[in-house]
Each structure stands twice: as C-alpha cells, then as structure tokens.
Amino acid sequence: MFKITLSPTASNKNTVISVSGKTLTYNGTNYEFSALEKGAQVEAESPAIGLIKNVDGVINITLEYYYDIATAEPNQSTDAADYIVELSSGTMQDVITRKAVDNV
C-alpha cells in the first residue's frame, strides 16, 4: 500500500502513476520499495520529494505531479487533502479537474 501525496504542477504533459505490490511506476519507470522496512525512511530523489517513509507497512511518498494545462480547468483545488491518494494496486485516478469535452 502506498500513501501518495501529490505536488501538482501545471505543464504540457500528464503524469501517470501505478502501483503493484511494493513497486511504484512513475511515467513508465519502476521504483521498488520492498527493501524499505517498517519504520525506515530515506531521502527522496526526483520524482519524489522530501522523505520516503514506511509507516506500519504503508509507503508514504510525495511525488511531482505534472498535468497538461491544455486539458485542465484553470482553477484547481487548493485543498491539500484532494492530492493525497492511497493506492494498493493499479493505476492512480486523475485528481485534476479537466475541461469538459465537447462531443461534436
């Protein structure tokens, strides 16, 4: 299980995050955390920010999260809780409010 805190940044690209077991995949690159024992923490390197911690078996990590301004609403949530995602497997759902798509 991962508790992921996102640090959103408007950009011209979108970030894709998925989890399988203790492996986090960020834009196609795998990061393995099985060696991070309960109670341990390590200093993060990009795309992670700050410390990565194993809290009772849950990997707590803050990640850079780029989203495409062309498809996003100009006003995004300012509530930090909206950018915290718990994920045990699969691909993370998009947390960005997107513009409505016109079906022509």
N, C-alpha and C. Protein backbone atom coordinates (compact mmCIF):
# COMPACT_ATOMS: atom_id res chain seq x y z
N MET A 1 0.85 -1.18 0.00
CA MET A 1 0.00 0.00 0.00
C MET A 1 0.89 1.24 0.00
N PHE A 2 0.49 2.21 -0.81
CA PHE A 2 1.19 3.49 -0.89
C PHE A 2 0.23 4.60 -0.48
N LYS A 3 0.72 5.53 0.29
CA LYS A 3 0.01 6.78 0.57
C LYS A 3 0.80 7.84 -0.18
N ILE A 4 0.21 8.33 -1.26
CA ILE A 4 0.90 9.22 -2.18
C ILE A 4 0.36 10.63 -2.03
N THR A 5 1.26 11.55 -1.72
CA THR A 5 0.90 12.97 -1.68
C THR A 5 1.45 13.58 -2.96
N LEU A 6 0.57 14.21 -3.71
CA LEU A 6 0.96 14.79 -5.00
C LEU A 6 1.30 16.26 -4.85
N SER A 7 2.32 16.67 -5.58
CA SER A 7 2.71 18.07 -5.67
C SER A 7 2.42 18.51 -7.11
N PRO A 8 1.19 19.01 -7.35
CA PRO A 8 0.77 19.31 -8.73
C PRO A 8 1.48 20.53 -9.33
N THR A 9 1.81 20.40 -10.61
CA THR A 9 2.45 21.47 -11.36
C THR A 9 1.84 21.52 -12.75
N ALA A 10 1.34 22.71 -13.14
CA ALA A 10 0.81 22.89 -14.49
C ALA A 10 1.96 22.75 -15.48
N SER A 11 1.69 22.06 -16.58
CA SER A 11 2.74 21.72 -17.52
C SER A 11 2.11 21.49 -18.89
N ASN A 12 2.87 20.86 -19.78
CA ASN A 12 2.33 20.45 -21.07
C ASN A 12 2.33 18.93 -21.19
N LYS A 13 2.38 18.25 -20.04
CA LYS A 13 2.37 16.79 -20.03
C LYS A 13 1.55 16.31 -18.82
N ASN A 14 1.23 15.03 -18.81
CA ASN A 14 0.50 14.41 -17.71
C ASN A 14 1.35 13.32 -17.08
N THR A 15 1.27 13.21 -15.76
CA THR A 15 1.98 12.17 -15.03
C THR A 15 1.08 10.95 -14.89
N VAL A 16 1.66 9.76 -15.08
CA VAL A 16 0.93 8.51 -14.90
C VAL A 16 1.63 7.72 -13.79
N ILE A 17 0.84 7.35 -12.76
CA ILE A 17 1.37 6.65 -11.60
C ILE A 17 0.57 5.36 -11.42
N SER A 18 1.30 4.26 -11.19
CA SER A 18 0.62 3.00 -10.86
C SER A 18 1.42 2.27 -9.78
N VAL A 19 0.75 1.29 -9.16
CA VAL A 19 1.34 0.54 -8.07
C VAL A 19 1.05 -0.94 -8.27
N SER A 20 2.06 -1.76 -7.97
CA SER A 20 1.89 -3.21 -7.95
C SER A 20 2.77 -3.73 -6.82
N GLY A 21 2.14 -4.20 -5.75
CA GLY A 21 2.91 -4.66 -4.59
C GLY A 21 3.66 -3.50 -3.98
N LYS A 22 4.98 -3.64 -3.85
CA LYS A 22 5.83 -2.58 -3.30
C LYS A 22 6.57 -1.83 -4.41
N THR A 23 6.05 -1.94 -5.65
CA THR A 23 6.65 -1.25 -6.78
C THR A 23 5.73 -0.12 -7.22
N LEU A 24 6.29 1.07 -7.32
CA LEU A 24 5.58 2.23 -7.83
C LEU A 24 6.14 2.52 -9.22
N THR A 25 5.25 2.71 -10.19
CA THR A 25 5.67 3.06 -11.55
C THR A 25 5.26 4.50 -11.80
N TYR A 26 6.24 5.30 -12.19
CA TYR A 26 6.05 6.73 -12.44
C TYR A 26 6.46 7.01 -13.88
N ASN A 27 5.48 7.32 -14.72
CA ASN A 27 5.74 7.58 -16.14
C ASN A 27 6.62 6.50 -16.78
N GLY A 28 6.30 5.24 -16.46
CA GLY A 28 6.99 4.11 -17.09
C GLY A 28 8.25 3.64 -16.40
N THR A 29 8.72 4.35 -15.38
CA THR A 29 9.91 3.94 -14.64
C THR A 29 9.49 3.31 -13.33
N ASN A 30 10.02 2.11 -13.05
CA ASN A 30 9.68 1.38 -11.82
C ASN A 30 10.61 1.77 -10.68
N TYR A 31 10.01 1.93 -9.49
CA TYR A 31 10.74 2.19 -8.26
C TYR A 31 10.31 1.13 -7.25
N GLU A 32 11.25 0.35 -6.77
CA GLU A 32 10.97 -0.79 -5.88
C GLU A 32 11.24 -0.38 -4.43
N PHE A 33 10.27 -0.64 -3.55
CA PHE A 33 10.38 -0.23 -2.15
C PHE A 33 10.31 -1.40 -1.17
N SER A 34 10.49 -2.63 -1.64
CA SER A 34 10.41 -3.77 -0.74
C SER A 34 11.52 -3.78 0.31
N ALA A 35 12.64 -3.15 0.04
CA ALA A 35 13.75 -3.11 0.99
C ALA A 35 13.55 -2.06 2.09
N LEU A 36 12.55 -1.19 1.94
CA LEU A 36 12.29 -0.16 2.94
C LEU A 36 11.47 -0.78 4.06
N GLU A 37 12.12 -1.12 5.16
CA GLU A 37 11.48 -1.82 6.26
C GLU A 37 10.57 -0.90 7.06
N LYS A 38 9.63 -1.49 7.81
CA LYS A 38 8.73 -0.71 8.67
C LYS A 38 9.54 0.19 9.58
N GLY A 39 9.12 1.46 9.65
CA GLY A 39 9.80 2.43 10.50
C GLY A 39 10.97 3.13 9.82
N ALA A 40 11.39 2.64 8.68
CA ALA A 40 12.54 3.22 7.98
C ALA A 40 12.11 4.40 7.13
N GLN A 41 13.09 5.26 6.84
CA GLN A 41 12.86 6.38 5.94
C GLN A 41 14.14 6.67 5.18
N VAL A 42 13.97 7.18 3.96
CA VAL A 42 15.11 7.55 3.12
C VAL A 42 14.84 8.91 2.50
N GLU A 43 15.91 9.61 2.19
CA GLU A 43 15.79 10.89 1.49
C GLU A 43 15.41 10.62 0.04
N ALA A 44 14.44 11.36 -0.44
CA ALA A 44 13.92 11.15 -1.79
C ALA A 44 14.79 11.82 -2.85
N GLU A 45 14.69 11.28 -4.04
CA GLU A 45 15.26 11.90 -5.24
C GLU A 45 14.14 12.03 -6.24
N SER A 46 14.26 12.97 -7.16
CA SER A 46 13.23 13.21 -8.16
C SER A 46 12.87 11.92 -8.87
N PRO A 47 11.59 11.63 -9.02
CA PRO A 47 10.43 12.48 -8.95
C PRO A 47 9.80 12.58 -7.56
N ALA A 48 10.40 11.93 -6.55
CA ALA A 48 9.90 12.05 -5.19
C ALA A 48 10.46 13.30 -4.54
N ILE A 49 9.79 13.75 -3.48
CA ILE A 49 10.16 14.98 -2.78
C ILE A 49 10.21 14.68 -1.28
N GLY A 50 11.25 15.18 -0.60
CA GLY A 50 11.33 15.04 0.86
C GLY A 50 11.76 13.66 1.27
N LEU A 51 11.11 13.13 2.32
CA LEU A 51 11.43 11.81 2.83
C LEU A 51 10.41 10.78 2.35
N ILE A 52 10.89 9.58 2.10
CA ILE A 52 10.01 8.44 1.81
C ILE A 52 10.04 7.59 3.07
N LYS A 53 8.85 7.30 3.62
CA LYS A 53 8.77 6.60 4.89
C LYS A 53 7.91 5.34 4.76
N ASN A 54 8.28 4.32 5.54
CA ASN A 54 7.45 3.13 5.67
C ASN A 54 6.80 3.23 7.05
N VAL A 55 5.51 3.54 7.08
CA VAL A 55 4.76 3.69 8.32
C VAL A 55 3.82 2.49 8.45
N ASP A 56 4.21 1.56 9.31
CA ASP A 56 3.40 0.34 9.52
C ASP A 56 3.08 -0.39 8.23
N GLY A 57 4.05 -0.46 7.33
CA GLY A 57 3.89 -1.20 6.08
C GLY A 57 3.32 -0.38 4.94
N VAL A 58 2.97 0.88 5.20
CA VAL A 58 2.45 1.76 4.15
C VAL A 58 3.57 2.71 3.73
N ILE A 59 3.89 2.71 2.44
CA ILE A 59 4.93 3.60 1.92
C ILE A 59 4.32 4.99 1.74
N ASN A 60 4.85 5.97 2.47
CA ASN A 60 4.41 7.36 2.38
C ASN A 60 5.40 8.11 1.51
N ILE A 61 4.90 8.69 0.43
CA ILE A 61 5.77 9.33 -0.55
C ILE A 61 5.08 10.56 -1.14
N THR A 62 5.85 11.60 -1.37
CA THR A 62 5.36 12.79 -2.06
C THR A 62 6.00 12.78 -3.45
N LEU A 63 5.15 12.99 -4.47
CA LEU A 63 5.62 12.93 -5.86
C LEU A 63 5.30 14.19 -6.64
N GLU A 64 6.21 14.55 -7.53
CA GLU A 64 5.92 15.59 -8.51
C GLU A 64 4.77 15.10 -9.37
N TYR A 65 3.80 15.95 -9.64
CA TYR A 65 2.64 15.53 -10.44
C TYR A 65 2.34 16.61 -11.48
N TYR A 66 2.73 16.33 -12.71
CA TYR A 66 2.55 17.29 -13.81
C TYR A 66 1.22 17.02 -14.50
N TYR A 67 0.51 18.09 -14.81
CA TYR A 67 -0.75 17.93 -15.55
C TYR A 67 -0.81 18.94 -16.68
N ASP A 68 -1.43 18.52 -17.78
CA ASP A 68 -1.49 19.30 -19.01
C ASP A 68 -2.49 20.45 -18.87
N ILE A 69 -2.00 21.68 -18.97
CA ILE A 69 -2.87 22.85 -18.81
C ILE A 69 -3.86 22.97 -19.96
N ALA A 70 -3.57 22.36 -21.08
CA ALA A 70 -4.48 22.43 -22.23
C ALA A 70 -5.78 21.69 -21.97
N THR A 71 -5.74 20.65 -21.11
CA THR A 71 -6.94 19.87 -20.83
C THR A 71 -7.51 20.09 -19.43
N ALA A 72 -6.82 20.90 -18.62
CA ALA A 72 -7.24 21.12 -17.24
C ALA A 72 -8.02 22.43 -17.09
N GLU A 73 -8.96 22.42 -16.15
CA GLU A 73 -9.64 23.65 -15.79
C GLU A 73 -8.60 24.61 -15.19
N PRO A 74 -8.77 25.91 -15.39
CA PRO A 74 -7.77 26.86 -14.89
C PRO A 74 -7.71 26.92 -13.36
N ASN A 75 -8.81 26.67 -12.69
CA ASN A 75 -8.84 26.73 -11.23
C ASN A 75 -8.91 25.32 -10.66
N GLN A 76 -7.84 24.91 -10.00
CA GLN A 76 -7.76 23.60 -9.37
C GLN A 76 -7.96 23.74 -7.86
N SER A 77 -8.29 22.65 -7.21
CA SER A 77 -8.50 22.65 -5.77
C SER A 77 -7.26 23.14 -5.04
N THR A 78 -7.49 23.87 -3.96
CA THR A 78 -6.40 24.32 -3.09
C THR A 78 -6.38 23.51 -1.80
N ASP A 79 -7.26 22.51 -1.69
CA ASP A 79 -7.33 21.65 -0.51
C ASP A 79 -6.29 20.54 -0.64
N ALA A 80 -5.31 20.54 0.24
CA ALA A 80 -4.23 19.54 0.18
C ALA A 80 -4.75 18.11 0.23
N ALA A 81 -5.86 17.89 0.91
CA ALA A 81 -6.43 16.54 1.02
C ALA A 81 -6.85 15.98 -0.33
N ASP A 82 -7.14 16.84 -1.29
CA ASP A 82 -7.53 16.40 -2.63
C ASP A 82 -6.36 15.80 -3.41
N TYR A 83 -5.16 15.97 -2.89
CA TYR A 83 -3.96 15.49 -3.58
C TYR A 83 -3.26 14.38 -2.80
N ILE A 84 -4.00 13.73 -1.89
CA ILE A 84 -3.49 12.57 -1.17
C ILE A 84 -4.27 11.34 -1.63
N VAL A 85 -3.55 10.35 -2.11
CA VAL A 85 -4.18 9.16 -2.69
C VAL A 85 -3.59 7.93 -2.02
N GLU A 86 -4.45 7.01 -1.59
CA GLU A 86 -4.00 5.71 -1.11
C GLU A 86 -4.23 4.70 -2.22
N LEU A 87 -3.19 3.97 -2.56
CA LEU A 87 -3.26 3.06 -3.70
C LEU A 87 -2.52 1.77 -3.37
N SER A 88 -3.22 0.64 -3.49
CA SER A 88 -2.58 -0.65 -3.22
C SER A 88 -2.25 -1.40 -4.51
N SER A 89 -3.00 -1.10 -5.59
CA SER A 89 -2.68 -1.71 -6.88
C SER A 89 -3.40 -0.96 -7.97
N GLY A 90 -2.85 -1.06 -9.18
CA GLY A 90 -3.48 -0.43 -10.33
C GLY A 90 -2.96 0.98 -10.59
N THR A 91 -3.63 1.65 -11.53
CA THR A 91 -3.25 2.99 -11.96
C THR A 91 -4.03 4.03 -11.17
N MET A 92 -3.35 5.03 -10.71
CA MET A 92 -3.98 6.10 -9.94
C MET A 92 -4.94 6.90 -10.82
N GLN A 93 -6.11 7.20 -10.27
CA GLN A 93 -7.06 8.03 -10.99
C GLN A 93 -6.56 9.47 -11.02
N ASP A 94 -6.92 10.18 -12.05
CA ASP A 94 -6.56 11.58 -12.22
C ASP A 94 -7.24 12.42 -11.14
N VAL A 95 -6.49 13.27 -10.47
CA VAL A 95 -7.05 14.12 -9.42
C VAL A 95 -7.29 15.55 -9.91
N ILE A 96 -6.97 15.80 -11.15
CA ILE A 96 -7.10 17.13 -11.74
C ILE A 96 -8.49 17.30 -12.35
N THR A 97 -9.08 18.47 -12.12
CA THR A 97 -10.36 18.78 -12.74
C THR A 97 -10.10 19.15 -14.19
N ARG A 98 -10.69 18.38 -15.08
CA ARG A 98 -10.46 18.57 -16.52
C ARG A 98 -11.58 19.38 -17.14
N LYS A 99 -11.26 20.01 -18.24
CA LYS A 99 -12.26 20.74 -19.03
C LYS A 99 -13.25 19.74 -19.62
N ALA A 100 -14.49 20.18 -19.76
CA ALA A 100 -15.50 19.34 -20.41
C ALA A 100 -15.11 19.14 -21.87
N VAL A 101 -15.36 17.94 -22.35
CA VAL A 101 -15.07 17.62 -23.74
C VAL A 101 -16.35 17.76 -24.52
N ASP A 102 -16.31 18.58 -25.59
CA ASP A 102 -17.49 18.75 -26.44
C ASP A 102 -17.59 17.58 -27.40
N ASN A 103 -18.74 16.95 -27.43
CA ASN A 103 -18.98 15.85 -28.39
C ASN A 103 -19.66 16.45 -29.61
N VAL A 104 -18.90 16.66 -30.65
CA VAL A 104 -19.42 17.28 -31.87
C VAL A 104 -19.70 16.23 -32.91
